[in-house]
Protein backbone atom coordinates (compact mmCIF):
# COMPACT_ATOMS: atom_id res chain seq x y z
CA MET A 1 97.90 34.68 -137.58
CA ALA A 2 96.55 38.29 -136.93
CA THR A 3 97.08 40.29 -140.41
CA GLU A 4 99.02 43.30 -140.88
CA THR A 5 97.36 46.49 -140.26
CA THR A 6 98.22 49.93 -139.77
CA VAL A 7 96.37 51.93 -137.41
CA THR A 8 97.19 55.51 -136.36
CA GLY A 9 100.62 55.10 -138.06
CA ILE A 10 101.23 51.69 -135.76
CA LEU A 11 101.93 48.61 -137.72
CA ILE A 12 101.22 45.08 -135.99
CA ARG A 13 102.68 42.01 -137.15
CA THR A 14 104.25 38.71 -136.56
CA ALA A 15 107.61 38.94 -135.72
CA THR A 16 110.38 37.73 -138.05
CA ALA A 17 113.97 36.21 -137.50
CA ASP A 18 115.45 39.70 -138.02
CA ASP A 19 113.31 41.13 -135.25
CA LEU A 20 114.89 38.96 -132.31
CA GLU A 21 118.03 41.00 -131.42
CA PRO A 22 116.33 44.65 -131.32
CA LEU A 23 113.09 42.79 -129.20
CA THR A 24 115.79 41.71 -127.16
CA THR A 25 117.52 44.76 -126.77
CA PHE A 26 113.81 46.49 -126.69
CA LEU A 27 112.68 44.44 -123.46
CA ILE A 28 115.90 44.89 -121.35
CA PRO A 29 114.32 48.34 -119.42
CA PHE A 30 111.31 46.10 -118.95
CA VAL A 31 113.09 43.30 -117.37
CA GLU A 32 115.26 46.07 -115.27
CA VAL A 33 112.76 47.66 -113.57
CA GLY A 34 110.67 44.22 -112.86
CA LYS A 35 107.93 44.60 -115.27
CA LEU A 36 108.76 41.54 -117.35
CA LEU A 37 110.54 38.40 -116.64
CA PRO A 38 113.75 38.15 -118.51
CA ARG A 39 113.36 36.55 -122.11
CA THR A 40 116.83 35.15 -124.18
CA PHE A 41 117.19 35.21 -127.77
CA ASP A 42 116.31 31.44 -128.07
CA GLU A 43 112.96 31.77 -126.04
CA LEU A 44 111.94 34.72 -128.43
CA ARG A 45 113.30 32.89 -131.29
CA GLU A 46 110.89 29.70 -130.43
CA LEU A 47 107.77 31.99 -130.07
CA LEU A 48 108.50 33.71 -133.64
CA PRO A 49 105.31 32.16 -134.45
CA THR A 50 102.89 33.55 -132.02
CA LEU A 51 105.26 36.93 -131.61
CA TYR A 52 103.90 40.28 -132.26
CA VAL A 53 105.56 43.38 -132.51
CA ALA A 54 104.40 46.83 -133.09
CA GLU A 55 106.18 49.02 -135.02
CA GLN A 56 105.93 53.15 -136.36
CA GLU A 57 108.13 54.30 -138.55
CA GLY A 58 110.38 50.99 -138.98
CA LYS A 59 111.07 51.36 -135.29
CA ILE A 60 109.87 48.22 -132.84
CA VAL A 61 107.74 50.26 -130.23
CA GLY A 62 105.73 47.14 -128.59
CA CYS A 63 105.43 43.34 -128.22
CA ALA A 64 103.55 40.54 -127.22
CA ALA A 65 103.81 36.63 -127.55
CA LEU A 66 100.81 34.15 -127.13
CA GLU A 67 102.97 30.92 -125.40
CA ILE A 68 100.49 27.69 -126.34
CA TYR A 69 100.80 25.49 -123.70
CA SER A 70 98.04 22.99 -124.94
CA TRP A 71 94.55 22.92 -126.57
CA LYS A 72 93.08 23.94 -123.55
CA LEU A 73 95.57 27.06 -122.36
CA ALA A 74 97.56 29.84 -123.52
CA GLU A 75 99.65 32.57 -122.07
CA VAL A 76 99.77 36.33 -123.25
CA ARG A 77 103.39 37.24 -122.34
CA SER A 78 106.05 39.85 -122.78
CA LEU A 79 103.66 42.61 -123.20
CA ALA A 80 105.53 45.60 -123.84
CA VAL A 81 104.99 49.08 -124.86
CA SER A 82 107.79 52.14 -125.11
CA SER A 83 106.71 54.70 -122.88
CA ALA A 84 106.34 57.12 -125.35
CA MET A 85 103.42 54.86 -126.97
CA GLN A 86 101.38 53.63 -124.25
CA GLY A 87 98.12 54.93 -123.56
CA GLN A 88 97.72 54.79 -127.45
CA GLY A 89 95.59 51.66 -127.87
CA VAL A 90 99.30 49.67 -128.62
CA GLY A 91 99.18 47.31 -126.08
CA LYS A 92 95.29 46.34 -126.86
CA ARG A 93 96.23 45.80 -130.56
CA LEU A 94 99.19 43.33 -129.64
CA VAL A 95 96.80 41.53 -126.94
CA ASP A 96 94.17 41.52 -129.53
CA ALA A 97 96.52 39.69 -132.24
CA CYS A 98 97.25 37.24 -129.60
CA LEU A 99 93.34 36.40 -129.12
CA GLU A 100 93.07 36.30 -132.36
CA ARG A 101 95.87 33.72 -132.90
CA ALA A 102 94.46 31.87 -129.94
CA ARG A 103 90.82 31.70 -131.60
CA ALA A 104 92.24 30.44 -134.67
CA ALA A 105 94.34 27.12 -132.67
CA ASN A 106 90.54 27.01 -130.86
CA ILE A 107 92.37 27.40 -127.43
CA LEU A 108 90.06 27.15 -124.67
CA GLU A 109 91.53 29.71 -121.89
CA VAL A 110 94.14 32.70 -122.32
CA MET A 111 95.67 33.85 -119.40
CA ALA A 112 97.79 36.74 -118.34
CA ILE A 113 100.41 37.02 -115.34
CA THR A 114 100.71 40.51 -114.81
CA SER A 115 101.12 43.73 -112.41
CA SER A 116 98.58 45.82 -114.66
CA ASP A 117 95.65 44.55 -113.62
CA ALA A 118 93.23 47.58 -115.13
CA PHE A 119 94.48 46.91 -118.44
CA PHE A 120 94.04 43.64 -118.85
CA MET A 121 90.61 43.88 -117.24
CA ALA A 122 89.60 46.27 -120.05
CA CYS A 123 91.18 43.74 -122.81
CA GLY A 124 88.12 41.23 -121.30
CA PHE A 125 89.84 39.27 -119.08
CA ASP A 126 89.01 38.79 -115.57
CA TYR A 127 89.87 37.19 -112.03
CA THR A 128 87.47 34.07 -112.84
CA LEU A 129 86.75 32.05 -115.31
CA PRO A 130 83.16 30.78 -115.48
CA GLY A 131 82.42 28.25 -112.65
CA GLU A 132 84.54 30.22 -110.77
CA LYS A 133 87.82 28.86 -111.56
CA ARG A 134 91.20 30.48 -110.38
CA ALA A 135 94.42 30.24 -110.74
CA LEU A 136 97.11 30.10 -107.87
CA PHE A 137 101.13 30.30 -108.15
CA MET A 138 103.70 29.44 -105.73
CA GLN A 139 107.03 30.83 -106.32
CA LEU A 140 109.58 28.29 -106.01
CA ARG A 141 112.75 30.66 -106.49
CA ASP A 142 113.63 34.18 -106.50
CA LEU A 143 114.63 35.58 -110.11
């Protein structure tokens, strides 16, 4: 579990039940512009043990979750940073919190499905895994 740390006035911490309503509201603009898939209150509640928020002066300015599928694979998902805070390292610290949690759980691989390739590559992600493993996807329905 990520420890609470404050860097440049931003606190990265594990989300609590009290964060669920504000997080649901925080994510709406990202969903509306197609940057994130919709997440329900119940989905976020299920992710609480691995859901992180970035907070500045008591206000949520970012979030990310680690969804653990098995001991082999987890996904960084629902990564969002307010436009005013982008480019200041908030997203990187949220991803780092997810990766720290994955390491603590001895997860073998962590993936990110994103439209921001350069950001995740700067966080150490790449298109392939050792042995040239790649993930392929097929969308079965429109959202």
